[in-house]
Amino acid sequence: MQDPGDGRQRAVGLPAGLLADQIPRQLSFKHTVQIWIAWQPRAGSGDDAVSINALLVLIAEPRVGLRPGRIEPRARKRRPKPFPLLTRPRPQAREEVRRNGHPKKQR
């Protein structure tokens, strides 16, 4: 079985889109991966044009709608905390807080 992330699914999506007269971006990548994985064990029995054509037709069946404005920001969700890292054993840090109080807020 091939690795789903090996890039072949995108290569299979182009001819499937051309066969169905669709833009390749309208084809579902997840559906293509699922069909590809299911088809792989049978692929060794014969790569004739009929089975490949059937594979491309199956891939091109569901369409993904055009989603304008679909942009997701690339950023970390977790923000740094306003507290220093605990770099010594917790009991020792507790004792220091008992003696001196909490440290002033860092900016």
PDB file of N, CA and C in Angstrom:
ATOM      1  N   MET A   1       0.850  -1.182   0.000  1.00  0.00           N
ATOM      2  CA  MET A   1       0.000   0.000   0.000  1.00  0.00           C
ATOM      3  C   MET A   1       0.889   1.238   0.000  1.00  0.00           C
ATOM      4  N   GLN A   2       0.548   2.204  -0.815  1.00  0.00           N
ATOM      5  CA  GLN A   2       1.315   3.429  -0.919  1.00  0.00           C
ATOM      6  C   GLN A   2       0.969   4.375   0.213  1.00  0.00           C
ATOM      7  N   ASP A   3       1.916   5.219   0.550  1.00  0.00           N
ATOM      8  CA  ASP A   3       1.691   6.254   1.559  1.00  0.00           C
ATOM      9  C   ASP A   3       0.710   7.280   1.008  1.00  0.00           C
ATOM     10  N   PRO A   4      -0.381   7.637   1.743  1.00  0.00           N
ATOM     11  CA  PRO A   4      -1.353   8.594   1.227  1.00  0.00           C
ATOM     12  C   PRO A   4      -0.765   9.971   0.941  1.00  0.00           C
ATOM     13  N   GLY A   5       0.363  10.296   1.531  1.00  0.00           N
ATOM     14  CA  GLY A   5       0.938  11.613   1.314  1.00  0.00           C
ATOM     15  C   GLY A   5       2.045  11.626   0.281  1.00  0.00           C
ATOM     16  N   ASP A   6       2.112  10.617  -0.581  1.00  0.00           N
ATOM     17  CA  ASP A   6       3.243  10.543  -1.493  1.00  0.00           C
ATOM     18  C   ASP A   6       3.078  11.373  -2.761  1.00  0.00           C
ATOM     19  N   GLY A   7       2.004  12.108  -2.908  1.00  0.00           N
ATOM     20  CA  GLY A   7       1.841  13.000  -4.038  1.00  0.00           C
ATOM     21  C   GLY A   7       1.130  12.402  -5.228  1.00  0.00           C
ATOM     22  N   ARG A   8       0.939  11.117  -5.255  1.00  0.00           N
ATOM     23  CA  ARG A   8       0.285  10.487  -6.398  1.00  0.00           C
ATOM     24  C   ARG A   8      -1.189  10.836  -6.492  1.00  0.00           C
ATOM     25  N   GLN A   9      -1.811  11.153  -5.358  1.00  0.00           N
ATOM     26  CA  GLN A   9      -3.228  11.486  -5.383  1.00  0.00           C
ATOM     27  C   GLN A   9      -3.460  12.775  -6.167  1.00  0.00           C
ATOM     28  N   ARG A  10      -2.571  13.732  -6.052  1.00  0.00           N
ATOM     29  CA  ARG A  10      -2.705  14.960  -6.831  1.00  0.00           C
ATOM     30  C   ARG A  10      -2.483  14.656  -8.306  1.00  0.00           C
ATOM     31  N   ALA A  11      -1.560  13.759  -8.598  1.00  0.00           N
ATOM     32  CA  ALA A  11      -1.303  13.396  -9.988  1.00  0.00           C
ATOM     33  C   ALA A  11      -2.484  12.638 -10.588  1.00  0.00           C
ATOM     34  N   VAL A  12      -3.208  11.893  -9.778  1.00  0.00           N
ATOM     35  CA  VAL A  12      -4.383  11.167 -10.256  1.00  0.00           C
ATOM     36  C   VAL A  12      -5.569  12.121 -10.382  1.00  0.00           C
ATOM     37  N   GLY A  13      -5.609  13.157  -9.581  1.00  0.00           N
ATOM     38  CA  GLY A  13      -6.721  14.101  -9.599  1.00  0.00           C
ATOM     39  C   GLY A  13      -6.798  14.912 -10.883  1.00  0.00           C
ATOM     40  N   LEU A  14      -5.654  15.207 -11.506  1.00  0.00           N
ATOM     41  CA  LEU A  14      -5.658  15.997 -12.736  1.00  0.00           C
ATOM     42  C   LEU A  14      -6.356  15.260 -13.879  1.00  0.00           C
ATOM     43  N   PRO A  15      -5.974  14.024 -14.213  1.00  0.00           N
ATOM     44  CA  PRO A  15      -6.690  13.350 -15.293  1.00  0.00           C
ATOM     45  C   PRO A  15      -8.154  13.071 -14.949  1.00  0.00           C
ATOM     46  N   ALA A  16      -8.450  12.861 -13.665  1.00  0.00           N
ATOM     47  CA  ALA A  16      -9.844  12.641 -13.265  1.00  0.00           C
ATOM     48  C   ALA A  16     -10.660  13.908 -13.505  1.00  0.00           C
ATOM     49  N   GLY A  17     -10.099  15.043 -13.203  1.00  0.00           N
ATOM     50  CA  GLY A  17     -10.784  16.303 -13.443  1.00  0.00           C
ATOM     51  C   GLY A  17     -10.976  16.575 -14.920  1.00  0.00           C
ATOM     52  N   LEU A  18      -9.955  16.270 -15.714  1.00  0.00           N
ATOM     53  CA  LEU A  18     -10.071  16.465 -17.156  1.00  0.00           C
ATOM     54  C   LEU A  18     -11.114  15.531 -17.758  1.00  0.00           C
ATOM     55  N   LEU A  19     -11.160  14.301 -17.258  1.00  0.00           N
ATOM     56  CA  LEU A  19     -12.130  13.327 -17.755  1.00  0.00           C
ATOM     57  C   LEU A  19     -13.562  13.771 -17.451  1.00  0.00           C
ATOM     58  N   ALA A  20     -13.779  14.359 -16.283  1.00  0.00           N
ATOM     59  CA  ALA A  20     -15.117  14.784 -15.867  1.00  0.00           C
ATOM     60  C   ALA A  20     -15.397  16.240 -16.216  1.00  0.00           C
ATOM     61  N   ASP A  21     -14.467  16.887 -16.940  1.00  0.00           N
ATOM     62  CA  ASP A  21     -14.613  18.289 -17.322  1.00  0.00           C
ATOM     63  C   ASP A  21     -14.807  19.171 -16.082  1.00  0.00           C
ATOM     64  N   GLN A  22     -13.924  18.970 -15.101  1.00  0.00           N
ATOM     65  CA  GLN A  22     -13.949  19.744 -13.861  1.00  0.00           C
ATOM     66  C   GLN A  22     -12.575  20.338 -13.611  1.00  0.00           C
ATOM     67  N   ILE A  23     -12.562  21.380 -12.826  1.00  0.00           N
ATOM     68  CA  ILE A  23     -11.300  21.945 -12.368  1.00  0.00           C
ATOM     69  C   ILE A  23     -10.765  21.000 -11.295  1.00  0.00           C
ATOM     70  N   PRO A  24      -9.483  20.613 -11.349  1.00  0.00           N
ATOM     71  CA  PRO A  24      -8.958  19.678 -10.341  1.00  0.00           C
ATOM     72  C   PRO A  24      -9.147  20.147  -8.899  1.00  0.00           C
ATOM     73  N   ARG A  25      -9.223  21.465  -8.664  1.00  0.00           N
ATOM     74  CA  ARG A  25      -9.450  21.954  -7.303  1.00  0.00           C
ATOM     75  C   ARG A  25     -10.847  21.641  -6.796  1.00  0.00           C
ATOM     76  N   GLN A  26     -11.768  21.292  -7.708  1.00  0.00           N
ATOM     77  CA  GLN A  26     -13.118  20.947  -7.300  1.00  0.00           C
ATOM     78  C   GLN A  26     -13.229  19.497  -6.868  1.00  0.00           C
ATOM     79  N   LEU A  27     -12.167  18.729  -7.032  1.00  0.00           N
ATOM     80  CA  LEU A  27     -12.180  17.330  -6.607  1.00  0.00           C
ATOM     81  C   LEU A  27     -11.729  17.241  -5.154  1.00  0.00           C
ATOM     82  N   SER A  28     -12.350  16.346  -4.419  1.00  0.00           N
ATOM     83  CA  SER A  28     -12.025  16.181  -3.011  1.00  0.00           C
ATOM     84  C   SER A  28     -10.715  15.411  -2.863  1.00  0.00           C
ATOM     85  N   PHE A  29      -9.747  16.030  -2.188  1.00  0.00           N
ATOM     86  CA  PHE A  29      -8.468  15.360  -1.960  1.00  0.00           C
ATOM     87  C   PHE A  29      -8.654  14.147  -1.059  1.00  0.00           C
ATOM     88  N   LYS A  30      -9.445  14.293  -0.008  1.00  0.00           N
ATOM     89  CA  LYS A  30      -9.681  13.190   0.923  1.00  0.00           C
ATOM     90  C   LYS A  30     -10.352  12.015   0.211  1.00  0.00           C
ATOM     91  N   HIS A  31     -11.329  12.300  -0.626  1.00  0.00           N
ATOM     92  CA  HIS A  31     -12.005  11.242  -1.373  1.00  0.00           C
ATOM     93  C   HIS A  31     -11.018  10.553  -2.320  1.00  0.00           C
ATOM     94  N   THR A  32     -10.153  11.328  -2.958  1.00  0.00           N
ATOM     95  CA  THR A  32      -9.146  10.764  -3.851  1.00  0.00           C
ATOM     96  C   THR A  32      -8.219   9.828  -3.095  1.00  0.00           C
ATOM     97  N   VAL A  33      -7.786  10.233  -1.909  1.00  0.00           N
ATOM     98  CA  VAL A  33      -6.905   9.385  -1.095  1.00  0.00           C
ATOM     99  C   VAL A  33      -7.622   8.089  -0.714  1.00  0.00           C
ATOM    100  N   GLN A  34      -8.888   8.187  -0.307  1.00  0.00           N
ATOM    101  CA  GLN A  34      -9.632   6.996   0.100  1.00  0.00           C
ATOM    102  C   GLN A  34      -9.829   6.040  -1.080  1.00  0.00           C
ATOM    103  N   ILE A  35     -10.171   6.561  -2.232  1.00  0.00           N
ATOM    104  CA  ILE A  35     -10.349   5.718  -3.420  1.00  0.00           C
ATOM    105  C   ILE A  35      -9.021   5.100  -3.822  1.00  0.00           C
ATOM    106  N   TRP A  36      -7.954   5.875  -3.769  1.00  0.00           N
ATOM    107  CA  TRP A  36      -6.622   5.379  -4.139  1.00  0.00           C
ATOM    108  C   TRP A  36      -6.193   4.225  -3.227  1.00  0.00           C
ATOM    109  N   ILE A  37      -6.393   4.385  -1.926  1.00  0.00           N
ATOM    110  CA  ILE A  37      -6.000   3.340  -0.971  1.00  0.00           C
ATOM    111  C   ILE A  37      -6.836   2.075  -1.198  1.00  0.00           C
ATOM    112  N   ALA A  38      -8.127   2.242  -1.469  1.00  0.00           N
ATOM    113  CA  ALA A  38      -8.983   1.079  -1.717  1.00  0.00           C
ATOM    114  C   ALA A  38      -8.624   0.410  -3.035  1.00  0.00           C
ATOM    115  N   TRP A  39      -8.147   1.149  -4.011  1.00  0.00           N
ATOM    116  CA  TRP A  39      -7.849   0.613  -5.341  1.00  0.00           C
ATOM    117  C   TRP A  39      -6.476  -0.049  -5.406  1.00  0.00           C
ATOM    118  N   GLN A  40      -5.546   0.374  -4.546  1.00  0.00           N
ATOM    119  CA  GLN A  40      -4.168  -0.123  -4.584  1.00  0.00           C
ATOM    120  C   GLN A  40      -4.047  -1.653  -4.533  1.00  0.00           C
ATOM    121  N   PRO A  41      -4.747  -2.367  -3.633  1.00  0.00           N
ATOM    122  CA  PRO A  41      -4.575  -3.824  -3.613  1.00  0.00           C
ATOM    123  C   PRO A  41      -5.006  -4.492  -4.926  1.00  0.00           C
ATOM    124  N   ARG A  42      -5.935  -3.902  -5.637  1.00  0.00           N
ATOM    125  CA  ARG A  42      -6.406  -4.479  -6.899  1.00  0.00           C
ATOM    126  C   ARG A  42      -5.574  -4.022  -8.083  1.00  0.00           C
ATOM    127  N   ALA A  43      -4.725  -3.041  -7.892  1.00  0.00           N
ATOM    128  CA  ALA A  43      -3.965  -2.470  -9.006  1.00  0.00           C
ATOM    129  C   ALA A  43      -2.953  -3.455  -9.574  1.00  0.00           C
ATOM    130  N   GLY A  44      -2.446  -4.360  -8.762  1.00  0.00           N
ATOM    131  CA  GLY A  44      -1.455  -5.312  -9.229  1.00  0.00           C
ATOM    132  C   GLY A  44      -2.026  -6.371 -10.156  1.00  0.00           C
ATOM    133  N   SER A  45      -3.344  -6.574 -10.110  1.00  0.00           N
ATOM    134  CA  SER A  45      -3.951  -7.628 -10.928  1.00  0.00           C
ATOM    135  C   SER A  45      -4.022  -7.247 -12.398  1.00  0.00           C
ATOM    136  N   GLY A  46      -3.921  -5.978 -12.706  1.00  0.00           N
ATOM    137  CA  GLY A  46      -3.938  -5.554 -14.107  1.00  0.00           C
ATOM    138  C   GLY A  46      -4.217  -4.075 -14.213  1.00  0.00           C
ATOM    139  N   ASP A  47      -3.310  -3.349 -14.810  1.00  0.00           N
ATOM    140  CA  ASP A  47      -3.479  -1.906 -14.958  1.00  0.00           C
ATOM    141  C   ASP A  47      -4.032  -1.583 -16.334  1.00  0.00           C
ATOM    142  N   ASP A  48      -5.085  -2.246 -16.707  1.00  0.00           N
ATOM    143  CA  ASP A  48      -5.640  -1.986 -18.031  1.00  0.00           C
ATOM    144  C   ASP A  48      -6.381  -0.660 -18.035  1.00  0.00           C
ATOM    145  N   ALA A  49      -6.625  -0.148 -19.217  1.00  0.00           N
ATOM    146  CA  ALA A  49      -7.228   1.178 -19.371  1.00  0.00           C
ATOM    147  C   ALA A  49      -8.637   1.235 -18.798  1.00  0.00           C
ATOM    148  N   VAL A  50      -9.363   0.115 -18.807  1.00  0.00           N
ATOM    149  CA  VAL A  50     -10.735   0.105 -18.290  1.00  0.00           C
ATOM    150  C   VAL A  50     -10.742   0.329 -16.788  1.00  0.00           C
ATOM    151  N   SER A  51      -9.861  -0.351 -16.054  1.00  0.00           N
ATOM    152  CA  SER A  51      -9.844  -0.187 -14.595  1.00  0.00           C
ATOM    153  C   SER A  51      -9.332   1.196 -14.200  1.00  0.00           C
ATOM    154  N   ILE A  52      -8.366   1.721 -14.949  1.00  0.00           N
ATOM    155  CA  ILE A  52      -7.865   3.063 -14.658  1.00  0.00           C
ATOM    156  C   ILE A  52      -8.945   4.103 -14.956  1.00  0.00           C
ATOM    157  N   ASN A  53      -9.673   3.916 -16.035  1.00  0.00           N
ATOM    158  CA  ASN A  53     -10.765   4.823 -16.363  1.00  0.00           C
ATOM    159  C   ASN A  53     -11.846   4.776 -15.285  1.00  0.00           C
ATOM    160  N   ALA A  54     -12.155   3.572 -14.778  1.00  0.00           N
ATOM    161  CA  ALA A  54     -13.145   3.435 -13.706  1.00  0.00           C
ATOM    162  C   ALA A  54     -12.666   4.144 -12.445  1.00  0.00           C
ATOM    163  N   LEU A  55     -11.370   4.037 -12.152  1.00  0.00           N
ATOM    164  CA  LEU A  55     -10.797   4.736 -10.995  1.00  0.00           C
ATOM    165  C   LEU A  55     -10.972   6.247 -11.142  1.00  0.00           C
ATOM    166  N   LEU A  56     -10.670   6.777 -12.314  1.00  0.00           N
ATOM    167  CA  LEU A  56     -10.779   8.217 -12.535  1.00  0.00           C
ATOM    168  C   LEU A  56     -12.230   8.689 -12.436  1.00  0.00           C
ATOM    169  N   VAL A  57     -13.168   7.880 -12.915  1.00  0.00           N
ATOM    170  CA  VAL A  57     -14.581   8.238 -12.820  1.00  0.00           C
ATOM    171  C   VAL A  57     -15.014   8.275 -11.356  1.00  0.00           C
ATOM    172  N   LEU A  58     -14.568   7.295 -10.558  1.00  0.00           N
ATOM    173  CA  LEU A  58     -14.917   7.278  -9.137  1.00  0.00           C
ATOM    174  C   LEU A  58     -14.347   8.488  -8.409  1.00  0.00           C
ATOM    175  N   ILE A  59     -13.137   8.871  -8.763  1.00  0.00           N
ATOM    176  CA  ILE A  59     -12.503  10.019  -8.115  1.00  0.00           C
ATOM    177  C   ILE A  59     -13.254  11.304  -8.447  1.00  0.00           C
ATOM    178  N   ALA A  60     -13.756  11.412  -9.675  1.00  0.00           N
ATOM    179  CA  ALA A  60     -14.385  12.655 -10.124  1.00  0.00           C
ATOM    180  C   ALA A  60     -15.849  12.772  -9.720  1.00  0.00           C
ATOM    181  N   GLU A  61     -16.421  11.762  -9.061  1.00  0.00           N
ATOM    182  CA  GLU A  61     -17.846  11.811  -8.716  1.00  0.00           C
ATOM    183  C   GLU A  61     -18.208  12.957  -7.768  1.00  0.00           C
ATOM    184  N   PRO A  62     -17.704  12.988  -6.538  1.00  0.00           N
ATOM    185  CA  PRO A  62     -18.122  14.080  -5.642  1.00  0.00           C
ATOM    186  C   PRO A  62     -17.379  15.366  -5.981  1.00  0.00           C
ATOM    187  N   ARG A  63     -18.079  16.465  -5.873  1.00  0.00           N
ATOM    188  CA  ARG A  63     -17.472  17.767  -6.131  1.00  0.00           C
ATOM    189  C   ARG A  63     -17.376  18.556  -4.830  1.00  0.00           C
ATOM    190  N   VAL A  64     -16.356  19.340  -4.745  1.00  0.00           N
ATOM    191  CA  VAL A  64     -16.185  20.263  -3.624  1.00  0.00           C
ATOM    192  C   VAL A  64     -16.507  21.638  -4.170  1.00  0.00           C
ATOM    193  N   GLY A  65     -17.371  22.351  -3.489  1.00  0.00           N
ATOM    194  CA  GLY A  65     -17.769  23.668  -3.968  1.00  0.00           C
ATOM    195  C   GLY A  65     -16.639  24.665  -3.942  1.00  0.00           C
ATOM    196  N   LEU A  66     -16.770  25.690  -4.760  1.00  0.00           N
ATOM    197  CA  LEU A  66     -15.801  26.780  -4.730  1.00  0.00           C
ATOM    198  C   LEU A  66     -16.062  27.609  -3.485  1.00  0.00           C
ATOM    199  N   ARG A  67     -15.026  27.797  -2.700  1.00  0.00           N
ATOM    200  CA  ARG A  67     -15.185  28.520  -1.436  1.00  0.00           C
ATOM    201  C   ARG A  67     -14.340  29.776  -1.470  1.00  0.00           C
ATOM    202  N   PRO A  68     -14.893  30.876  -2.010  1.00  0.00           N
ATOM    203  CA  PRO A  68     -14.099  32.100  -2.085  1.00  0.00           C
ATOM    204  C   PRO A  68     -13.813  32.652  -0.694  1.00  0.00           C
ATOM    205  N   GLY A  69     -12.665  33.265  -0.571  1.00  0.00           N
ATOM    206  CA  GLY A  69     -12.294  33.863   0.700  1.00  0.00           C
ATOM    207  C   GLY A  69     -11.878  32.839   1.741  1.00  0.00           C
ATOM    208  N   ARG A  70     -11.614  31.610   1.340  1.00  0.00           N
ATOM    209  CA  ARG A  70     -11.235  30.563   2.273  1.00  0.00           C
ATOM    210  C   ARG A  70      -9.744  30.685   2.567  1.00  0.00           C
ATOM    211  N   ILE A  71      -9.410  31.522   3.517  1.00  0.00           N
ATOM    212  CA  ILE A  71      -8.019  31.749   3.901  1.00  0.00           C
ATOM    213  C   ILE A  71      -7.921  31.560   5.405  1.00  0.00           C
ATOM    214  N   GLU A  72      -6.983  30.748   5.821  1.00  0.00           N
ATOM    215  CA  GLU A  72      -6.751  30.536   7.246  1.00  0.00           C
ATOM    216  C   GLU A  72      -5.388  31.115   7.601  1.00  0.00           C
ATOM    217  N   PRO A  73      -5.310  31.926   8.657  1.00  0.00           N
ATOM    218  CA  PRO A  73      -4.019  32.496   9.043  1.00  0.00           C
ATOM    219  C   PRO A  73      -3.082  31.426   9.598  1.00  0.00           C
ATOM    220  N   ARG A  74      -1.818  31.587   9.318  1.00  0.00           N
ATOM    221  CA  ARG A  74      -0.821  30.668   9.864  1.00  0.00           C
ATOM    222  C   ARG A  74      -0.192  31.338  11.078  1.00  0.00           C
ATOM    223  N   ALA A  75      -0.644  30.914  12.222  1.00  0.00           N
ATOM    224  CA  ALA A  75      -0.145  31.499  13.462  1.00  0.00           C
ATOM    225  C   ALA A  75      -0.299  30.481  14.575  1.00  0.00           C
ATOM    226  N   ARG A  76       0.488  30.650  15.590  1.00  0.00           N
ATOM    227  CA  ARG A  76       0.356  29.780  16.754  1.00  0.00           C
ATOM    228  C   ARG A  76      -0.810  30.241  17.594  1.00  0.00           C
ATOM    229  N   LYS A  77      -1.585  29.301  18.053  1.00  0.00           N
ATOM    230  CA  LYS A  77      -2.735  29.647  18.872  1.00  0.00           C
ATOM    231  C   LYS A  77      -2.322  29.890  20.319  1.00  0.00           C
ATOM    232  N   ARG A  78      -1.391  29.120  20.790  1.00  0.00           N
ATOM    233  CA  ARG A  78      -0.950  29.257  22.178  1.00  0.00           C
ATOM    234  C   ARG A  78      -0.039  30.471  22.322  1.00  0.00           C
ATOM    235  N   ARG A  79      -0.396  31.335  23.229  1.00  0.00           N
ATOM    236  CA  ARG A  79       0.396  32.535  23.478  1.00  0.00           C
ATOM    237  C   ARG A  79       1.358  32.272  24.639  1.00  0.00           C
ATOM    238  N   PRO A  80       2.481  32.945  24.640  1.00  0.00           N
ATOM    239  CA  PRO A  80       3.387  32.800  25.780  1.00  0.00           C
ATOM    240  C   PRO A  80       2.714  33.324  27.048  1.00  0.00           C
ATOM    241  N   LYS A  81       2.940  32.657  28.126  1.00  0.00           N
ATOM    242  CA  LYS A  81       2.347  33.050  29.408  1.00  0.00           C
ATOM    243  C   LYS A  81       3.192  34.149  30.053  1.00  0.00           C
ATOM    244  N   PRO A  82       2.568  34.988  30.889  1.00  0.00           N
ATOM    245  CA  PRO A  82       3.313  36.084  31.510  1.00  0.00           C
ATOM    246  C   PRO A  82       4.132  35.637  32.725  1.00  0.00           C
ATOM    247  N   PHE A  83       4.338  34.341  32.889  1.00  0.00           N
ATOM    248  CA  PHE A  83       5.075  33.832  34.037  1.00  0.00           C
ATOM    249  C   PHE A  83       6.365  33.179  33.567  1.00  0.00           C
ATOM    250  N   PRO A  84       7.403  33.242  34.407  1.00  0.00           N
ATOM    251  CA  PRO A  84       8.654  32.569  34.030  1.00  0.00           C
ATOM    252  C   PRO A  84       8.495  31.051  34.104  1.00  0.00           C
ATOM    253  N   LEU A  85       9.380  30.343  33.428  1.00  0.00           N
ATOM    254  CA  LEU A  85       9.356  28.888  33.463  1.00  0.00           C
ATOM    255  C   LEU A  85       9.809  28.381  34.829  1.00  0.00           C
ATOM    256  N   LEU A  86       9.242  27.257  35.235  1.00  0.00           N
ATOM    257  CA  LEU A  86       9.636  26.631  36.499  1.00  0.00           C
ATOM    258  C   LEU A  86      10.910  25.839  36.221  1.00  0.00           C
ATOM    259  N   THR A  87      12.046  26.373  36.662  1.00  0.00           N
ATOM    260  CA  THR A  87      13.337  25.775  36.330  1.00  0.00           C
ATOM    261  C   THR A  87      13.992  25.056  37.509  1.00  0.00           C
ATOM    262  N   ARG A  88      13.312  25.013  38.632  1.00  0.00           N
ATOM    263  CA  ARG A  88      13.845  24.280  39.797  1.00  0.00           C
ATOM    264  C   ARG A  88      12.740  23.398  40.359  1.00  0.00           C
ATOM    265  N   PRO A  89      13.046  22.514  41.267  1.00  0.00           N
ATOM    266  CA  PRO A  89      12.001  21.636  41.817  1.00  0.00           C
ATOM    267  C   PRO A  89      10.865  22.442  42.455  1.00  0.00           C
ATOM    268  N   ARG A  90       9.650  21.963  42.262  1.00  0.00           N
ATOM    269  CA  ARG A  90       8.459  22.670  42.741  1.00  0.00           C
ATOM    270  C   ARG A  90       8.505  22.959  44.247  1.00  0.00           C
ATOM    271  N   PRO A  91       8.890  22.009  45.107  1.00  0.00           N
ATOM    272  CA  PRO A  91       8.940  22.332  46.549  1.00  0.00           C
ATOM    273  C   PRO A  91       9.904  23.480  46.861  1.00  0.00           C
ATOM    274  N   GLN A  92      11.015  23.522  46.153  1.00  0.00           N
ATOM    275  CA  GLN A  92      11.982  24.588  46.371  1.00  0.00           C
ATOM    276  C   GLN A  92      11.395  25.935  45.915  1.00  0.00           C
ATOM    277  N   ALA A  93      10.681  25.948  44.786  1.00  0.00           N
ATOM    278  CA  ALA A  93      10.059  27.184  44.301  1.00  0.00           C
ATOM    279  C   ALA A  93       8.961  27.643  45.255  1.00  0.00           C
ATOM    280  N   ARG A  94       8.181  26.701  45.815  1.00  0.00           N
ATOM    281  CA  ARG A  94       7.137  27.058  46.784  1.00  0.00           C
ATOM    282  C   ARG A  94       7.744  27.723  48.017  1.00  0.00           C
ATOM    283  N   GLU A  95       8.834  27.154  48.487  1.00  0.00           N
ATOM    284  CA  GLU A  95       9.485  27.702  49.682  1.00  0.00           C
ATOM    285  C   GLU A  95       9.982  29.126  49.423  1.00  0.00           C
ATOM    286  N   GLU A  96      10.509  29.340  48.234  1.00  0.00           N
ATOM    287  CA  GLU A  96      10.984  30.689  47.905  1.00  0.00           C
ATOM    288  C   GLU A  96       9.820  31.681  47.830  1.00  0.00           C
ATOM    289  N   VAL A  97       8.678  31.254  47.322  1.00  0.00           N
ATOM    290  CA  VAL A  97       7.498  32.130  47.268  1.00  0.00           C
ATOM    291  C   VAL A  97       7.010  32.425  48.679  1.00  0.00           C
ATOM    292  N   ARG A  98       7.064  31.414  49.565  1.00  0.00           N
ATOM    293  CA  ARG A  98       6.644  31.643  50.961  1.00  0.00           C
ATOM    294  C   ARG A  98       7.537  32.684  51.629  1.00  0.00           C
ATOM    295  N   ARG A  99       8.843  32.612  51.355  1.00  0.00           N
ATOM    296  CA  ARG A  99       9.774  33.542  51.985  1.00  0.00           C
ATOM    297  C   ARG A  99       9.718  34.936  51.392  1.00  0.00           C
ATOM    298  N   ASN A 100       9.704  35.041  50.053  1.00  0.00           N
ATOM    299  CA  ASN A 100       9.855  36.342  49.388  1.00  0.00           C
ATOM    300  C   ASN A 100       8.601  36.848  48.692  1.00  0.00           C
ATOM    301  N   GLY A 101       7.558  36.041  48.617  1.00  0.00           N
ATOM    302  CA  GLY A 101       6.376  36.432  47.859  1.00  0.00           C
ATOM    303  C   GLY A 101       6.579  36.158  46.371  1.00  0.00           C
ATOM    304  N   HIS A 102       5.514  36.339  45.621  1.00  0.00           N
ATOM    305  CA  HIS A 102       5.607  36.117  44.171  1.00  0.00           C
ATOM    306  C   HIS A 102       6.454  37.201  43.524  1.00  0.00           C
ATOM    307  N   PRO A 103       7.197  36.854  42.460  1.00  0.00           N
ATOM    308  CA  PRO A 103       7.998  37.876  41.805  1.00  0.00           C
ATOM    309  C   PRO A 103       7.122  38.898  41.082  1.00  0.00           C
ATOM    310  N   LYS A 104       7.672  40.055  40.863  1.00  0.00           N
ATOM    311  CA  LYS A 104       6.954  41.117  40.153  1.00  0.00           C
ATOM    312  C   LYS A 104       6.670  40.656  38.715  1.00  0.00           C
ATOM    313  N   LYS A 105       5.599  41.200  38.141  1.00  0.00           N
ATOM    314  CA  LYS A 105       5.195  40.846  36.794  1.00  0.00           C
ATOM    315  C   LYS A 105       6.254  41.293  35.784  1.00  0.00           C
ATOM    316  N   GLN A 106       6.684  40.372  34.911  1.00  0.00           N
ATOM    317  CA  GLN A 106       7.673  40.697  33.900  1.00  0.00           C
ATOM    318  C   GLN A 106       6.988  41.307  32.692  1.00  0.00           C
ATOM    319  N   ARG A 107       7.675  42.249  32.059  1.00  0.00           N
ATOM    320  CA  ARG A 107       7.100  42.875  30.872  1.00  0.00           C
ATOM    321  C   ARG A 107       7.894  42.561  29.672  1.00  0.00           C
TER     322      ARG A 107
END
